[in-house]
């Protein structure tokens, strides 16, 4: 990926596709820390190259948020909040950019799941009791 970025530029179609492929392969291999790192670099590049409301950008943002709060991965409140912020940005871009209803509904569902995770983490911290 680094060689392609150096040769083609970080915002070139080939560089973006190489980074997406790497992120997907890392996710498939269960290498979530590495996948998160790639997605954190890729998402802003996609936003810049394709726009906030592009389907590829929205998909990458949702994957990044999911990777941040993936089950079995200890999440701090700040990480869960970061995932929620990413999903909000994606949802707003989807709505403003005229994305189809399926995309908006999927983003809303991801946002709800992230909120549930946050509430579950809070309940665990409070011994199962909300204060």
Foldseek 3Di string as FASTA:
>chain_A
DVVCCVVPNCLDPVNLVVLVVVLVVCVVVVVLVVSLVSLVVNLVSCCVNPNLQDPVSLVSLLVNLCSLDPPPDDHDLVSLVVSLVSLVSSLVSNVVVVPDPVSNVVSVVSNVVSVVVSVVVVCVVVVNDDD
